[in-house]
Amino acid sequence: MAFLAPVIASASASTLIGTGLAVASAYTSIKQGNLRKKGFDASARYKELEGRIEAVKAKEQGIKALKATQIAMANVNATSYAGGLEPNLSGSVNTFINNNILNPGFSDYFTAKDNASLALSSAKAQAEDLRQAGREAKNQGVISALGTLSMASLNLSGIGGPPGPSTQGTGFGTRSYIT
């Protein structure tokens, strides 16, 4: 830090104020990146919660499908008993129950179960995307802060002593490239 003393002593007030503002800007960039990361993390948690809610809804639909299947089977059995048929012995009643009640009911149940699984996996993937965006926002804040501090450092390093001989040409030399 002792190397800064001559630089600070030879710097003008406006340069020091500019450097102080650059440090404050860098700090703000880092804080903003951290806040954006927290926002993305909160969105990710909310997205996971939405996925769990959708999964529960899908499971409820599956349960409704099984209950509807059970009620339909009870109705067929009651109707067949009322008609004088033995539902457990009659092949046509069993075939009817299997083809028209059980198969669609189980199909609806397994579709709902798949929907629940898809809701969870989709929410998990979206939440991970949001978390990644948060990490990138935090990193961007740090990168912005480093850029600001490096510019302030360059401004401070240009302060002090009389200007030396220039090593850069202007491009308007006396050489002629026309032959």
Foldseek 3Di string as FASTA:
>chain_A
DVVCVVLVVQDDPVLVVLLVVLLVLLVVLLVQLLVLLVVLLVVLVVLLVQLQVQLVVLQVQLVVLVVVLVVVLVVLCVVCVVVVHHCVPDPVNVVCSVPPRVVVSVVSNVVSNVSSVVSNVVSNVVSVVSNVVSVVSNVSSNVVSVVSNVVSVVSSVVTDDDDDDDPDDPPPDPDDPDD
